[in-house]
Amino acid sequence: MESAPDTSRPAGSLGPTRVPSRQAIESVRGRKVAVSLDRPAGASREWEPTSGARRTPPTLAEVTSIFLVGAECAMRCTMCDLWRHTLDHPTPVGALPRQLAWGLRNAKWDSESARLSPESVLSSERWIKLYNASNFLDPRSVPIADWPELAQAIAPFDRVIVENHPRVRPRRAAEFARLLTAKLEIAVGLEAADDEILLGLNKRMTLADFVSATERWHEENIDVRAFILLAPPGAEPARATSLVIDTLRFAERHGVRHASVIPTRGSNSLLNALAPDGRFIPPAAGDLEATLAAALQLRFDMVVTADLWDWDGLRGHCETCREARRARLQRMNLTQRHESPSRADCRCSKG
């Protein structure tokens, strides 16, 4: 077993961080979005690489993503805005199977994937993501009584990806995996390979917790995916990319199959309150471009992608260059190869 790195003197953090209380985090929230128990918050289809830069060429799997509506996560992470689409009470039995059925019928291809030529698709694998803005293994969020019906509905898929915190019922993963005909993969918010930053994010986990959970899941033949934040609060802005690279190296050492780099969204009041003293500077489009380029050129033995969900909300691009730059990142995601930028003739800052 490889131990977690020594974080007694974190290289990427701004030093000791005051952790906001649960009450402080909740006090600056706005209202939740009106949701339905019969429909998911979203449903989409896209392509995703099945292997990283060391394998040529990477094949693509067809991935259906269903964003289920259920009970809010028990954690109160400072950067999270996913609570907006959750319930204030336990998820009722039967709600998630109904949402899943609706999502499978209505999932549409995203615009970039729809333009991908069939010749580029080298895999017949079909994957499904069941994301619930919480912890799949928490019975308050996903009733165990619904597991058999959910498993039956996703039987045609080759891989099932769910999200879960390393400290929330990790032993239950094997129980759910036994109901599946598919390979189970658990997506975890690793965020940063820095315990000081994790403390400031109120993640209620350490790097050792991540290692413990991933080792257990690997022993049970369960794959692990990691979400990594670009420019999280408490990190040195000048080291945004290098902190991600350090975290990718940590993830690779511990057998992560796929790492998704997510620009930290400045979409909640708590993060905005950290801005005046320099503890949070939202990343720009150029930061995400530079980070993915650096990661792909290092040829990690895992898939590394840039999350483009909130691309339009990033600073540092304009109407002239926005779509071309997004398309380049999407191609890099799919090919797992660096592509030189072709900047449009525009006046926006590089970011």
Foldseek 3Di string as FASTA:
>chain_A
DDDADDQPPPPWFPDFADADDPCVLVVQDDAADDDDLQAFPAKAWAWFFQWALVDPFTAIAIEIETAHEFAAAPFRFNLDDLSSRYDPFFRDPPSRLSRVVVRVVDHYYDPLRVPDDPVRHDDHAYEYEYEHNYACLACSGPPPVCLLSVQVVCQVHAEYEYEHELPHPLVCVLVSVVSHPHAYEYEYAPAFSHQSLCVRRRSPDHVRSVLVSLVVCVVSRHAYEYEYEQFRFRTDNVCRLVRVVVRLVVCLVSHHAEYEYEFRDPPTPSLVVSPVVPRGDGDAPLSLLVNLLVVLVVGGRHQYAYDCPCQVVGAQDDPQFSVVSVSQRVVCRHRSHHDDDDGDPDDTHND
